[in-house]
Amino acid sequence: MKYKNWAVSVLVILTNFYFLPFSFITIKSYNISFVSLSINLLIITSILTFTKKFSNDKGLLIVNSLGLIWSLFWLRLFLTTPLIDKFASQKKF
């Protein structure tokens, strides 16, 4: 179970490479995005998995697995949704 926990934690950390810059942009523009902040909070549970005390914890495996599903859903949604304003910027009024 230790290796499953580590594998899920590594995948959560890898998906956060996409969401961390997105979070900094939203915080800088004074907006709060629940999606990116909730995914970024999973870094804490992922890092705890690599400690000796929590490496075999079933609770962290469940939280990280659900968080991985959540972050992969949003990652797929953000990467495959076309831009709405793609042609609006080309029009001249």
N, C-alpha and C. Protein backbone atom coordinates (compact mmCIF):
# COMPACT_ATOMS: atom_id res chain seq x y z
N MET A 1 0.82 -1.19 0.00
CA MET A 1 0.00 0.00 0.00
C MET A 1 0.87 1.26 0.00
N LYS A 2 2.07 1.13 0.47
CA LYS A 2 2.99 2.26 0.52
C LYS A 2 3.27 2.78 -0.89
N TYR A 3 3.46 1.89 -1.85
CA TYR A 3 3.78 2.31 -3.21
C TYR A 3 2.58 2.89 -3.93
N LYS A 4 1.39 2.39 -3.64
CA LYS A 4 0.17 2.98 -4.21
C LYS A 4 0.00 4.41 -3.71
N ASN A 5 0.23 4.59 -2.43
CA ASN A 5 0.12 5.91 -1.82
C ASN A 5 1.12 6.88 -2.43
N TRP A 6 2.33 6.42 -2.62
CA TRP A 6 3.36 7.27 -3.22
C TRP A 6 3.03 7.60 -4.67
N ALA A 7 2.53 6.62 -5.43
CA ALA A 7 2.21 6.85 -6.84
C ALA A 7 1.10 7.88 -6.98
N VAL A 8 0.07 7.76 -6.17
CA VAL A 8 -1.03 8.73 -6.22
C VAL A 8 -0.54 10.11 -5.81
N SER A 9 0.31 10.17 -4.81
CA SER A 9 0.83 11.46 -4.34
C SER A 9 1.70 12.13 -5.40
N VAL A 10 2.50 11.36 -6.09
CA VAL A 10 3.33 11.92 -7.16
C VAL A 10 2.44 12.47 -8.28
N LEU A 11 1.39 11.77 -8.62
CA LEU A 11 0.48 12.24 -9.67
C LEU A 11 -0.25 13.52 -9.24
N VAL A 12 -0.60 13.61 -7.97
CA VAL A 12 -1.24 14.83 -7.47
C VAL A 12 -0.27 16.00 -7.56
N ILE A 13 0.97 15.77 -7.20
CA ILE A 13 1.98 16.84 -7.28
C ILE A 13 2.21 17.25 -8.73
N LEU A 14 2.21 16.30 -9.64
CA LEU A 14 2.41 16.63 -11.06
C LEU A 14 1.24 17.44 -11.63
N THR A 15 0.02 17.14 -11.21
CA THR A 15 -1.10 17.94 -11.70
C THR A 15 -1.08 19.35 -11.12
N ASN A 16 -0.46 19.51 -9.97
CA ASN A 16 -0.36 20.84 -9.37
C ASN A 16 0.60 21.75 -10.13
N PHE A 17 1.47 21.20 -10.95
CA PHE A 17 2.33 22.05 -11.78
C PHE A 17 1.50 22.90 -12.73
N TYR A 18 0.34 22.42 -13.13
CA TYR A 18 -0.55 23.21 -13.98
C TYR A 18 -1.34 24.23 -13.17
N PHE A 19 -1.78 23.84 -11.98
CA PHE A 19 -2.69 24.69 -11.22
C PHE A 19 -2.01 25.73 -10.35
N LEU A 20 -0.75 25.57 -10.01
CA LEU A 20 -0.07 26.57 -9.18
C LEU A 20 0.06 27.94 -9.86
N PRO A 21 0.50 28.01 -11.11
CA PRO A 21 0.53 29.33 -11.75
C PRO A 21 -0.86 29.94 -11.91
N PHE A 22 -1.84 29.10 -12.18
CA PHE A 22 -3.23 29.55 -12.29
C PHE A 22 -3.69 30.15 -10.96
N SER A 23 -3.30 29.57 -9.87
CA SER A 23 -3.67 30.09 -8.55
C SER A 23 -3.02 31.43 -8.27
N PHE A 24 -1.74 31.57 -8.63
CA PHE A 24 -1.06 32.84 -8.41
C PHE A 24 -1.69 33.95 -9.25
N ILE A 25 -2.11 33.64 -10.46
CA ILE A 25 -2.75 34.64 -11.32
C ILE A 25 -4.08 35.07 -10.73
N THR A 26 -4.87 34.11 -10.25
CA THR A 26 -6.18 34.47 -9.70
C THR A 26 -6.05 35.24 -8.39
N ILE A 27 -5.08 34.89 -7.59
CA ILE A 27 -4.88 35.63 -6.33
C ILE A 27 -4.36 37.04 -6.63
N LYS A 28 -3.49 37.16 -7.61
CA LYS A 28 -2.95 38.47 -7.97
C LYS A 28 -4.03 39.40 -8.51
N SER A 29 -5.00 38.84 -9.20
CA SER A 29 -6.08 39.67 -9.75
C SER A 29 -7.26 39.79 -8.78
N TYR A 30 -7.05 39.44 -7.52
CA TYR A 30 -8.04 39.55 -6.46
C TYR A 30 -9.29 38.69 -6.69
N ASN A 31 -9.14 37.61 -7.38
CA ASN A 31 -10.22 36.65 -7.54
C ASN A 31 -9.87 35.40 -6.74
N ILE A 32 -10.89 34.70 -6.31
CA ILE A 32 -10.67 33.47 -5.57
C ILE A 32 -11.27 32.34 -6.37
N SER A 33 -10.45 31.37 -6.72
CA SER A 33 -10.92 30.23 -7.49
C SER A 33 -10.93 29.01 -6.57
N PHE A 34 -12.11 28.50 -6.30
CA PHE A 34 -12.24 27.34 -5.44
C PHE A 34 -11.56 26.12 -6.04
N VAL A 35 -11.62 26.00 -7.34
CA VAL A 35 -11.06 24.82 -8.01
C VAL A 35 -9.55 24.76 -7.80
N SER A 36 -8.86 25.82 -8.13
CA SER A 36 -7.40 25.77 -8.04
C SER A 36 -6.92 25.71 -6.59
N LEU A 37 -7.59 26.42 -5.69
CA LEU A 37 -7.15 26.38 -4.30
C LEU A 37 -7.42 25.02 -3.65
N SER A 38 -8.53 24.38 -4.01
CA SER A 38 -8.80 23.06 -3.44
C SER A 38 -7.80 22.03 -3.96
N ILE A 39 -7.39 22.17 -5.19
CA ILE A 39 -6.39 21.25 -5.73
C ILE A 39 -5.02 21.53 -5.13
N ASN A 40 -4.72 22.80 -4.90
CA ASN A 40 -3.43 23.14 -4.31
C ASN A 40 -3.33 22.69 -2.85
N LEU A 41 -4.43 22.60 -2.16
CA LEU A 41 -4.39 22.09 -0.78
C LEU A 41 -4.01 20.62 -0.73
N LEU A 42 -4.18 19.92 -1.83
CA LEU A 42 -3.80 18.51 -1.87
C LEU A 42 -2.28 18.30 -1.81
N ILE A 43 -1.53 19.36 -2.02
CA ILE A 43 -0.07 19.26 -1.90
C ILE A 43 0.31 18.89 -0.47
N ILE A 44 -0.45 19.40 0.49
CA ILE A 44 -0.15 19.11 1.90
C ILE A 44 -0.30 17.62 2.18
N THR A 45 -1.40 17.03 1.73
CA THR A 45 -1.60 15.60 1.98
C THR A 45 -0.62 14.76 1.17
N SER A 46 -0.23 15.25 0.00
CA SER A 46 0.74 14.50 -0.80
C SER A 46 2.12 14.49 -0.15
N ILE A 47 2.51 15.61 0.41
CA ILE A 47 3.81 15.68 1.07
C ILE A 47 3.81 14.84 2.36
N LEU A 48 2.68 14.83 3.06
CA LEU A 48 2.59 14.00 4.26
C LEU A 48 2.76 12.52 3.95
N THR A 49 2.39 12.11 2.75
CA THR A 49 2.52 10.71 2.37
C THR A 49 3.97 10.26 2.35
N PHE A 50 4.88 11.16 2.05
CA PHE A 50 6.29 10.80 1.95
C PHE A 50 6.99 10.73 3.31
N THR A 51 6.30 11.10 4.37
CA THR A 51 6.90 10.95 5.69
C THR A 51 6.70 9.52 6.18
N LYS A 52 7.53 9.10 7.07
CA LYS A 52 7.49 7.71 7.55
C LYS A 52 6.21 7.42 8.34
N LYS A 53 5.72 8.42 9.05
CA LYS A 53 4.56 8.23 9.91
C LYS A 53 3.28 7.97 9.10
N PHE A 54 3.13 8.62 7.95
CA PHE A 54 1.90 8.53 7.18
C PHE A 54 2.04 7.74 5.88
N SER A 55 3.12 7.03 5.68
CA SER A 55 3.34 6.36 4.39
C SER A 55 2.36 5.22 4.13
N ASN A 56 1.81 4.60 5.16
CA ASN A 56 0.86 3.50 4.98
C ASN A 56 -0.56 3.87 5.42
N ASP A 57 -0.88 5.14 5.45
CA ASP A 57 -2.17 5.60 5.93
C ASP A 57 -3.24 5.45 4.85
N LYS A 58 -4.31 4.72 5.17
CA LYS A 58 -5.40 4.52 4.21
C LYS A 58 -6.20 5.79 3.98
N GLY A 59 -6.33 6.60 5.02
CA GLY A 59 -7.07 7.85 4.89
C GLY A 59 -6.45 8.79 3.88
N LEU A 60 -5.12 8.91 3.92
CA LEU A 60 -4.44 9.77 2.95
C LEU A 60 -4.54 9.20 1.54
N LEU A 61 -4.54 7.89 1.42
CA LEU A 61 -4.70 7.27 0.11
C LEU A 61 -6.06 7.60 -0.47
N ILE A 62 -7.10 7.55 0.36
CA ILE A 62 -8.45 7.87 -0.12
C ILE A 62 -8.56 9.35 -0.48
N VAL A 63 -8.04 10.22 0.38
CA VAL A 63 -8.11 11.66 0.12
C VAL A 63 -7.33 12.01 -1.14
N ASN A 64 -6.14 11.46 -1.29
CA ASN A 64 -5.33 11.74 -2.47
C ASN A 64 -5.94 11.15 -3.73
N SER A 65 -6.56 9.98 -3.64
CA SER A 65 -7.20 9.38 -4.81
C SER A 65 -8.39 10.21 -5.26
N LEU A 66 -9.23 10.64 -4.32
CA LEU A 66 -10.36 11.49 -4.67
C LEU A 66 -9.88 12.84 -5.21
N GLY A 67 -8.83 13.36 -4.62
CA GLY A 67 -8.26 14.62 -5.10
C GLY A 67 -7.65 14.49 -6.48
N LEU A 68 -7.06 13.33 -6.76
CA LEU A 68 -6.50 13.10 -8.09
C LEU A 68 -7.61 13.04 -9.14
N ILE A 69 -8.70 12.39 -8.82
CA ILE A 69 -9.84 12.34 -9.73
C ILE A 69 -10.39 13.75 -9.96
N TRP A 70 -10.52 14.52 -8.89
CA TRP A 70 -11.00 15.90 -8.96
C TRP A 70 -10.08 16.76 -9.83
N SER A 71 -8.78 16.65 -9.60
CA SER A 71 -7.85 17.49 -10.36
C SER A 71 -7.73 17.05 -11.81
N LEU A 72 -7.81 15.76 -12.09
CA LEU A 72 -7.77 15.30 -13.48
C LEU A 72 -9.02 15.72 -14.24
N PHE A 73 -10.16 15.75 -13.56
CA PHE A 73 -11.39 16.24 -14.20
C PHE A 73 -11.22 17.69 -14.63
N TRP A 74 -10.75 18.54 -13.73
CA TRP A 74 -10.59 19.95 -14.05
C TRP A 74 -9.46 20.19 -15.03
N LEU A 75 -8.41 19.41 -14.95
CA LEU A 75 -7.31 19.54 -15.90
C LEU A 75 -7.79 19.23 -17.32
N ARG A 76 -8.56 18.16 -17.46
CA ARG A 76 -9.10 17.80 -18.77
C ARG A 76 -10.07 18.88 -19.26
N LEU A 77 -10.88 19.39 -18.37
CA LEU A 77 -11.83 20.43 -18.74
C LEU A 77 -11.13 21.70 -19.20
N PHE A 78 -10.09 22.12 -18.48
CA PHE A 78 -9.38 23.34 -18.85
C PHE A 78 -8.57 23.18 -20.13
N LEU A 79 -8.04 22.01 -20.36
CA LEU A 79 -7.20 21.82 -21.55
C LEU A 79 -8.00 21.56 -22.82
N THR A 80 -9.22 21.05 -22.71
CA THR A 80 -9.97 20.70 -23.91
C THR A 80 -11.08 21.68 -24.26
N THR A 81 -11.38 22.62 -23.40
CA THR A 81 -12.43 23.59 -23.68
C THR A 81 -11.88 24.69 -24.58
N PRO A 82 -12.55 24.96 -25.69
CA PRO A 82 -12.05 26.04 -26.57
C PRO A 82 -12.28 27.41 -25.94
N LEU A 83 -11.53 28.37 -26.40
CA LEU A 83 -11.68 29.73 -25.90
C LEU A 83 -12.97 30.35 -26.41
N ILE A 84 -13.64 31.06 -25.55
CA ILE A 84 -14.89 31.72 -25.94
C ILE A 84 -14.59 33.01 -26.70
N ASP A 85 -13.58 33.73 -26.28
CA ASP A 85 -13.26 35.02 -26.88
C ASP A 85 -12.25 34.92 -28.01
N LYS A 86 -12.14 33.78 -28.63
CA LYS A 86 -11.13 33.57 -29.65
C LYS A 86 -11.32 34.53 -30.82
N PHE A 87 -12.54 34.68 -31.28
CA PHE A 87 -12.80 35.53 -32.44
C PHE A 87 -13.28 36.93 -32.05
N ALA A 88 -13.62 37.14 -30.82
CA ALA A 88 -14.10 38.44 -30.38
C ALA A 88 -12.99 39.47 -30.41
N SER A 89 -11.77 39.07 -30.19
CA SER A 89 -10.67 40.02 -30.18
C SER A 89 -10.27 40.44 -31.60
N GLN A 90 -10.69 39.70 -32.63
CA GLN A 90 -10.34 40.03 -34.00
C GLN A 90 -11.34 40.99 -34.65
N LYS A 91 -12.52 41.14 -34.06
CA LYS A 91 -13.52 42.04 -34.62
C LYS A 91 -13.17 43.48 -34.28
N LYS A 92 -13.42 44.35 -35.24
CA LYS A 92 -13.21 45.78 -35.00
C LYS A 92 -14.56 46.46 -35.05
N PHE A 93 -14.84 47.22 -34.02
CA PHE A 93 -16.15 47.88 -33.93
C PHE A 93 -16.08 49.29 -34.42
